[in-house]
Amino acid sequence: MSDERESMWAALTSEVSAGSLYLEPGTAAKCADHCTTLLAKLAKLKDRAYGLQYVEGFGTLPSGVAVARKFSLAAVGGDYSMVDALADHIAEVEAMRNMFLQIEAHYAAAEQHNEQKFAAIAPDLE
């Protein structure tokens, strides 16, 4: 994940902590659940990408060997390979999920605080 994106998520998380970024009750939890589902899919794709590290079937001619190597490096070990890209996607979605979880936790804490305040004011209104 790039430093710019990390700072973006850090800024958004700070906004959550400050109470200026919020979502409707339950929405953040649903978003976090979707992130969890996406993370599982991305992890599977990353595992499958490792299986593409050894590409075969292009023959033994130098051109076939070169093409096989090119595809292998595109999957694993090359400049910004598929594995690298998926790792970045995973980090991005984890940051998103963590922010959504923080929003939901912030909402839950505020609800609990409000319930305690109302219970202290009017204990008979349950």
Protein backbone atom coordinates (compact mmCIF):
# COMPACT_ATOMS: atom_id res chain seq x y z
CA MET A 1 0.00 0.00 0.00
CA SER A 2 1.38 3.41 -0.89
CA ASP A 3 2.28 5.98 1.75
CA GLU A 4 -0.39 8.28 0.30
CA ARG A 5 -3.10 5.68 0.83
CA GLU A 6 -1.80 4.85 4.30
CA SER A 7 -2.02 8.52 5.23
CA MET A 8 -5.51 8.67 3.72
CA TRP A 9 -6.72 5.82 5.90
CA ALA A 10 -4.91 7.27 8.91
CA ALA A 11 -6.67 10.59 8.30
CA LEU A 12 -10.06 8.91 7.98
CA THR A 13 -9.43 6.89 11.14
CA SER A 14 -8.56 10.13 12.95
CA GLU A 15 -11.85 11.59 11.74
CA VAL A 16 -13.64 8.58 13.22
CA SER A 17 -11.86 9.07 16.55
CA ALA A 18 -12.79 12.75 16.52
CA GLY A 19 -16.41 11.85 15.91
CA SER A 20 -16.68 13.73 12.64
CA LEU A 21 -16.87 10.64 10.41
CA TYR A 22 -19.75 8.29 11.04
CA LEU A 23 -22.29 6.14 9.24
CA GLU A 24 -25.81 5.10 10.04
CA PRO A 25 -26.04 2.42 12.76
CA GLY A 26 -25.21 -1.01 11.38
CA THR A 27 -23.89 0.30 8.06
CA ALA A 28 -20.24 0.23 9.15
CA ALA A 29 -20.64 -3.34 10.42
CA LYS A 30 -22.09 -4.40 7.06
CA CYS A 31 -19.21 -2.72 5.26
CA ALA A 32 -16.72 -4.48 7.56
CA ASP A 33 -18.44 -7.80 6.82
CA HIS A 34 -18.13 -7.16 3.08
CA CYS A 35 -14.45 -6.34 3.58
CA THR A 36 -13.96 -9.62 5.44
CA THR A 37 -15.59 -11.52 2.57
CA LEU A 38 -13.42 -9.70 0.04
CA LEU A 39 -10.28 -10.40 2.09
CA ALA A 40 -11.00 -14.12 1.99
CA LYS A 41 -11.43 -13.99 -1.79
CA LEU A 42 -8.23 -11.97 -2.24
CA ALA A 43 -6.29 -14.40 -0.04
CA LYS A 44 -7.48 -17.31 -2.20
CA LEU A 45 -6.45 -15.46 -5.34
CA LYS A 46 -3.04 -14.73 -3.87
CA ASP A 47 -2.57 -18.41 -2.99
CA ARG A 48 -3.58 -19.37 -6.52
CA ALA A 49 -1.16 -16.82 -7.98
CA TYR A 50 1.73 -18.63 -6.28
CA GLY A 51 0.71 -21.67 -8.34
CA LEU A 52 1.49 -19.67 -11.49
CA GLN A 53 5.12 -19.27 -10.48
CA TYR A 54 6.23 -22.21 -12.63
CA VAL A 55 4.60 -21.85 -16.04
CA GLU A 56 5.14 -24.74 -18.42
CA GLY A 57 3.94 -25.78 -21.83
CA PHE A 58 5.71 -23.27 -24.05
CA GLY A 59 8.28 -25.77 -25.24
CA THR A 60 12.05 -25.89 -25.03
CA LEU A 61 12.91 -23.36 -27.70
CA PRO A 62 14.51 -20.19 -26.33
CA SER A 63 11.41 -18.15 -27.23
CA GLY A 64 9.16 -20.61 -25.37
CA VAL A 65 11.41 -20.56 -22.31
CA ALA A 66 11.46 -16.74 -22.41
CA VAL A 67 7.66 -16.52 -22.61
CA ALA A 68 7.28 -19.01 -19.74
CA ARG A 69 9.71 -16.98 -17.63
CA LYS A 70 7.87 -13.74 -18.45
CA PHE A 71 4.54 -15.20 -17.34
CA SER A 72 6.11 -16.72 -14.23
CA LEU A 73 7.59 -13.39 -13.21
CA ALA A 74 4.29 -11.65 -13.87
CA ALA A 75 2.76 -13.94 -11.27
CA VAL A 76 5.54 -14.08 -8.66
CA GLY A 77 8.85 -12.32 -8.26
CA GLY A 78 8.70 -9.82 -11.11
CA ASP A 79 8.30 -6.07 -10.93
CA TYR A 80 4.99 -5.57 -9.15
CA SER A 81 3.84 -9.12 -9.75
CA MET A 82 0.31 -10.40 -9.27
CA VAL A 83 1.26 -11.53 -5.77
CA ASP A 84 2.52 -8.02 -4.96
CA ALA A 85 -0.62 -6.40 -6.36
CA LEU A 86 -2.86 -8.75 -4.38
CA ALA A 87 -0.86 -8.07 -1.21
CA ASP A 88 -1.46 -4.33 -1.75
CA HIS A 89 -5.17 -4.94 -2.31
CA ILE A 90 -5.32 -7.01 0.87
CA ALA A 91 -3.60 -4.27 2.89
CA GLU A 92 -6.00 -1.68 1.47
CA VAL A 93 -9.11 -3.70 2.30
CA GLU A 94 -7.75 -4.46 5.79
CA ALA A 95 -7.33 -0.73 6.39
CA MET A 96 -10.88 -0.15 5.17
CA ARG A 97 -12.26 -2.91 7.39
CA ASN A 98 -10.40 -1.57 10.42
CA MET A 99 -11.85 1.87 9.84
CA PHE A 100 -15.38 0.48 9.50
CA LEU A 101 -14.91 -1.57 12.68
CA GLN A 102 -13.74 1.54 14.49
CA ILE A 103 -16.81 3.46 13.29
CA GLU A 104 -19.07 0.67 14.58
CA ALA A 105 -17.20 0.49 17.90
CA HIS A 106 -17.43 4.28 18.27
CA TYR A 107 -21.17 4.12 17.63
CA ALA A 108 -21.63 1.25 20.11
CA ALA A 109 -19.65 3.11 22.78
CA ALA A 110 -21.74 6.25 22.27
CA GLU A 111 -24.96 4.21 22.48
CA GLN A 112 -23.83 2.56 25.70
CA HIS A 113 -22.83 5.92 27.17
CA ASN A 114 -26.22 7.41 26.26
CA GLU A 115 -28.07 4.43 27.72
CA GLN A 116 -26.17 4.81 30.99
CA LYS A 117 -26.92 8.54 31.12
CA PHE A 118 -30.63 8.01 30.50
CA ALA A 119 -30.77 5.17 33.01
CA ALA A 120 -29.24 7.46 35.64
CA ILE A 121 -31.71 10.25 34.86
CA ALA A 122 -34.85 8.15 34.65
CA PRO A 123 -34.30 4.59 35.90
CA ASP A 124 -38.04 3.79 35.67
CA LEU A 125 -38.31 4.36 31.91
CA GLU A 126 -37.09 0.93 30.79
